[in-house]
Amino acid sequence: MALAPDVQAAAADECAPSTTGSECCSLSGGPMTEDDARRIAGRLKALSDPTRLRLLSHVAAQGCGAVCVCDLTAVVDISQPTVSHHMKKLVDAGLVTREQRGKWAHYSVVPEAFAELRGFLDLR
């Protein structure tokens, strides 16, 4: 079935690249590789939990300093093993690092991971 000429012209206009010089919702980095998509998806999945977001915001609020897991339990009012579980998910996603100091784990934000997420989410 052929489209009417005015419908064909409208469809062609919709698919034609913009000539105004402005981009509409294009990802700044272009199409991603499968590996990049898996990494970004893993990070976004780790961030999709409200408890993890709260824990991460507390760690990020400390800037470059590390935060002891013992200080995080009071932030979200959950047990230390549950905090450790959530923090492990953030570590596995590459969003924070873990350093053992004696019997306590200390966590720090990985700035490069958030720079990558910021770049991916930067729609222009």
C-alpha atoms as a PDB file:
ATOM      1  CA  MET A   1       0.000   0.000   0.000  1.00  0.00           C
ATOM      2  CA  ALA A   2       1.488   3.321  -1.095  1.00  0.00           C
ATOM      3  CA  LEU A   3       1.280   6.443   1.041  1.00  0.00           C
ATOM      4  CA  ALA A   4      -0.296   9.615  -0.276  1.00  0.00           C
ATOM      5  CA  PRO A   5       2.291  12.210  -1.412  1.00  0.00           C
ATOM      6  CA  ASP A   6       1.516  14.586   1.498  1.00  0.00           C
ATOM      7  CA  VAL A   7       1.909  11.713   4.015  1.00  0.00           C
ATOM      8  CA  GLN A   8       5.202  10.677   2.380  1.00  0.00           C
ATOM      9  CA  ALA A   9       6.504  14.254   2.653  1.00  0.00           C
ATOM     10  CA  ALA A  10       5.500  14.485   6.319  1.00  0.00           C
ATOM     11  CA  ALA A  11       7.167  11.154   7.088  1.00  0.00           C
ATOM     12  CA  ALA A  12      10.329  12.254   5.282  1.00  0.00           C
ATOM     13  CA  ASP A  13      10.395  15.499   7.296  1.00  0.00           C
ATOM     14  CA  GLU A  14      10.116  13.556  10.565  1.00  0.00           C
ATOM     15  CA  CYS A  15      13.078  11.336   9.683  1.00  0.00           C
ATOM     16  CA  ALA A  16      15.241  14.028   8.147  1.00  0.00           C
ATOM     17  CA  PRO A  17      18.199  15.286  10.163  1.00  0.00           C
ATOM     18  CA  SER A  18      17.754  18.677  11.754  1.00  0.00           C
ATOM     19  CA  THR A  19      19.148  21.576   9.786  1.00  0.00           C
ATOM     20  CA  THR A  20      18.752  24.109  12.588  1.00  0.00           C
ATOM     21  CA  GLY A  21      22.067  23.191  14.213  1.00  0.00           C
ATOM     22  CA  SER A  22      20.478  22.071  17.464  1.00  0.00           C
ATOM     23  CA  GLU A  23      20.352  18.464  18.541  1.00  0.00           C
ATOM     24  CA  CYS A  24      17.295  16.949  20.129  1.00  0.00           C
ATOM     25  CA  CYS A  25      17.914  14.439  22.884  1.00  0.00           C
ATOM     26  CA  SER A  26      21.079  12.928  21.451  1.00  0.00           C
ATOM     27  CA  LEU A  27      23.467  11.107  23.733  1.00  0.00           C
ATOM     28  CA  SER A  28      26.714  13.027  23.693  1.00  0.00           C
ATOM     29  CA  GLY A  29      28.856   9.905  23.334  1.00  0.00           C
ATOM     30  CA  GLY A  30      26.884   8.272  20.553  1.00  0.00           C
ATOM     31  CA  PRO A  31      25.754   4.647  20.542  1.00  0.00           C
ATOM     32  CA  MET A  32      27.316   2.546  23.295  1.00  0.00           C
ATOM     33  CA  THR A  33      29.079  -0.763  23.073  1.00  0.00           C
ATOM     34  CA  GLU A  34      27.632  -3.852  24.697  1.00  0.00           C
ATOM     35  CA  ASP A  35      30.269  -3.732  27.464  1.00  0.00           C
ATOM     36  CA  ASP A  36      29.533  -0.062  28.181  1.00  0.00           C
ATOM     37  CA  ALA A  37      25.802  -0.771  28.280  1.00  0.00           C
ATOM     38  CA  ARG A  38      26.307  -3.624  30.757  1.00  0.00           C
ATOM     39  CA  ARG A  39      28.503  -1.476  33.014  1.00  0.00           C
ATOM     40  CA  ILE A  40      26.141   1.510  32.976  1.00  0.00           C
ATOM     41  CA  ALA A  41      23.107  -0.737  33.497  1.00  0.00           C
ATOM     42  CA  GLY A  42      24.806  -2.370  36.491  1.00  0.00           C
ATOM     43  CA  ARG A  43      25.526   1.020  38.016  1.00  0.00           C
ATOM     44  CA  LEU A  44      22.006   2.268  37.428  1.00  0.00           C
ATOM     45  CA  LYS A  45      20.587  -0.947  38.866  1.00  0.00           C
ATOM     46  CA  ALA A  46      22.694  -0.515  42.014  1.00  0.00           C
ATOM     47  CA  LEU A  47      21.406   3.043  42.316  1.00  0.00           C
ATOM     48  CA  SER A  48      17.772   2.010  41.885  1.00  0.00           C
ATOM     49  CA  ASP A  49      17.393   1.013  45.555  1.00  0.00           C
ATOM     50  CA  PRO A  50      16.306   3.835  47.935  1.00  0.00           C
ATOM     51  CA  THR A  51      18.404   2.490  50.812  1.00  0.00           C
ATOM     52  CA  ARG A  52      21.515   2.409  48.615  1.00  0.00           C
ATOM     53  CA  LEU A  53      20.835   5.946  47.444  1.00  0.00           C
ATOM     54  CA  ARG A  54      20.637   7.131  51.043  1.00  0.00           C
ATOM     55  CA  LEU A  55      23.839   5.314  51.981  1.00  0.00           C
ATOM     56  CA  LEU A  56      25.621   6.644  48.907  1.00  0.00           C
ATOM     57  CA  SER A  57      24.477  10.194  49.601  1.00  0.00           C
ATOM     58  CA  HIS A  58      25.935   9.952  53.095  1.00  0.00           C
ATOM     59  CA  VAL A  59      29.269   8.688  51.761  1.00  0.00           C
ATOM     60  CA  ALA A  60      29.300  11.339  49.014  1.00  0.00           C
ATOM     61  CA  ALA A  61      28.560  14.080  51.566  1.00  0.00           C
ATOM     62  CA  GLN A  62      31.933  13.321  53.146  1.00  0.00           C
ATOM     63  CA  GLY A  63      33.716  14.406  49.963  1.00  0.00           C
ATOM     64  CA  CYS A  64      36.994  12.589  49.497  1.00  0.00           C
ATOM     65  CA  GLY A  65      36.986  11.142  53.003  1.00  0.00           C
ATOM     66  CA  ALA A  66      36.148   7.534  53.759  1.00  0.00           C
ATOM     67  CA  VAL A  67      33.114   6.647  55.854  1.00  0.00           C
ATOM     68  CA  CYS A  68      33.088   3.776  58.330  1.00  0.00           C
ATOM     69  CA  VAL A  69      30.307   1.229  57.984  1.00  0.00           C
ATOM     70  CA  CYS A  70      29.735   1.722  61.714  1.00  0.00           C
ATOM     71  CA  ASP A  71      28.623   5.300  60.977  1.00  0.00           C
ATOM     72  CA  LEU A  72      26.254   4.238  58.204  1.00  0.00           C
ATOM     73  CA  THR A  73      23.995   2.057  60.341  1.00  0.00           C
ATOM     74  CA  ALA A  74      22.556   5.076  62.145  1.00  0.00           C
ATOM     75  CA  VAL A  75      21.917   6.892  58.860  1.00  0.00           C
ATOM     76  CA  VAL A  76      19.399   4.359  57.589  1.00  0.00           C
ATOM     77  CA  ASP A  77      18.461   2.685  60.890  1.00  0.00           C
ATOM     78  CA  ILE A  78      19.191  -0.844  59.672  1.00  0.00           C
ATOM     79  CA  SER A  79      21.580  -3.490  60.943  1.00  0.00           C
ATOM     80  CA  GLN A  80      25.266  -3.483  60.099  1.00  0.00           C
ATOM     81  CA  PRO A  81      25.044  -6.733  58.047  1.00  0.00           C
ATOM     82  CA  THR A  82      22.253  -5.189  55.931  1.00  0.00           C
ATOM     83  CA  VAL A  83      24.282  -2.004  55.437  1.00  0.00           C
ATOM     84  CA  SER A  84      27.258  -4.131  54.402  1.00  0.00           C
ATOM     85  CA  HIS A  85      25.075  -6.011  51.908  1.00  0.00           C
ATOM     86  CA  HIS A  86      23.909  -2.774  50.293  1.00  0.00           C
ATOM     87  CA  MET A  87      27.416  -1.326  50.277  1.00  0.00           C
ATOM     88  CA  LYS A  88      28.722  -4.486  48.585  1.00  0.00           C
ATOM     89  CA  LYS A  89      26.248  -3.891  45.763  1.00  0.00           C
ATOM     90  CA  LEU A  90      27.620  -0.349  45.361  1.00  0.00           C
ATOM     91  CA  VAL A  91      31.209  -1.662  45.445  1.00  0.00           C
ATOM     92  CA  ASP A  92      30.416  -4.377  42.871  1.00  0.00           C
ATOM     93  CA  ALA A  93      28.905  -1.708  40.605  1.00  0.00           C
ATOM     94  CA  GLY A  94      32.121   0.320  40.851  1.00  0.00           C
ATOM     95  CA  LEU A  95      30.438   3.290  42.533  1.00  0.00           C
ATOM     96  CA  VAL A  96      32.352   3.123  45.827  1.00  0.00           C
ATOM     97  CA  THR A  97      35.561   1.525  47.052  1.00  0.00           C
ATOM     98  CA  ARG A  98      35.958  -0.495  50.239  1.00  0.00           C
ATOM     99  CA  GLU A  99      39.006  -0.411  52.486  1.00  0.00           C
ATOM    100  CA  GLN A 100      39.329  -2.643  55.521  1.00  0.00           C
ATOM    101  CA  ARG A 101      40.713  -0.880  58.610  1.00  0.00           C
ATOM    102  CA  GLY A 102      40.900  -3.254  61.518  1.00  0.00           C
ATOM    103  CA  LYS A 103      37.477  -4.788  61.988  1.00  0.00           C
ATOM    104  CA  TRP A 104      35.603  -2.004  60.159  1.00  0.00           C
ATOM    105  CA  ALA A 105      35.139  -1.386  56.452  1.00  0.00           C
ATOM    106  CA  HIS A 106      35.461   2.184  55.169  1.00  0.00           C
ATOM    107  CA  TYR A 107      33.867   3.367  51.938  1.00  0.00           C
ATOM    108  CA  SER A 108      34.733   6.146  49.494  1.00  0.00           C
ATOM    109  CA  VAL A 109      33.024   7.389  46.328  1.00  0.00           C
ATOM    110  CA  VAL A 110      34.614   6.642  42.930  1.00  0.00           C
ATOM    111  CA  PRO A 111      34.377  10.026  41.149  1.00  0.00           C
ATOM    112  CA  GLU A 112      35.145   8.536  37.712  1.00  0.00           C
ATOM    113  CA  ALA A 113      32.083   6.280  37.918  1.00  0.00           C
ATOM    114  CA  PHE A 114      29.820   9.267  38.468  1.00  0.00           C
ATOM    115  CA  ALA A 115      31.538  11.222  35.709  1.00  0.00           C
ATOM    116  CA  GLU A 116      30.705   8.344  33.371  1.00  0.00           C
ATOM    117  CA  LEU A 117      27.073   8.278  34.511  1.00  0.00           C
ATOM    118  CA  ARG A 118      26.845  12.061  34.172  1.00  0.00           C
ATOM    119  CA  GLY A 119      28.208  11.817  30.631  1.00  0.00           C
ATOM    120  CA  PHE A 120      25.726   9.101  29.731  1.00  0.00           C
ATOM    121  CA  LEU A 121      22.763  11.000  31.168  1.00  0.00           C
ATOM    122  CA  ASP A 122      23.765  14.319  29.591  1.00  0.00           C
ATOM    123  CA  LEU A 123      21.040  14.616  26.987  1.00  0.00           C
ATOM    124  CA  ARG A 124      21.343  17.680  24.810  1.00  0.00           C
END
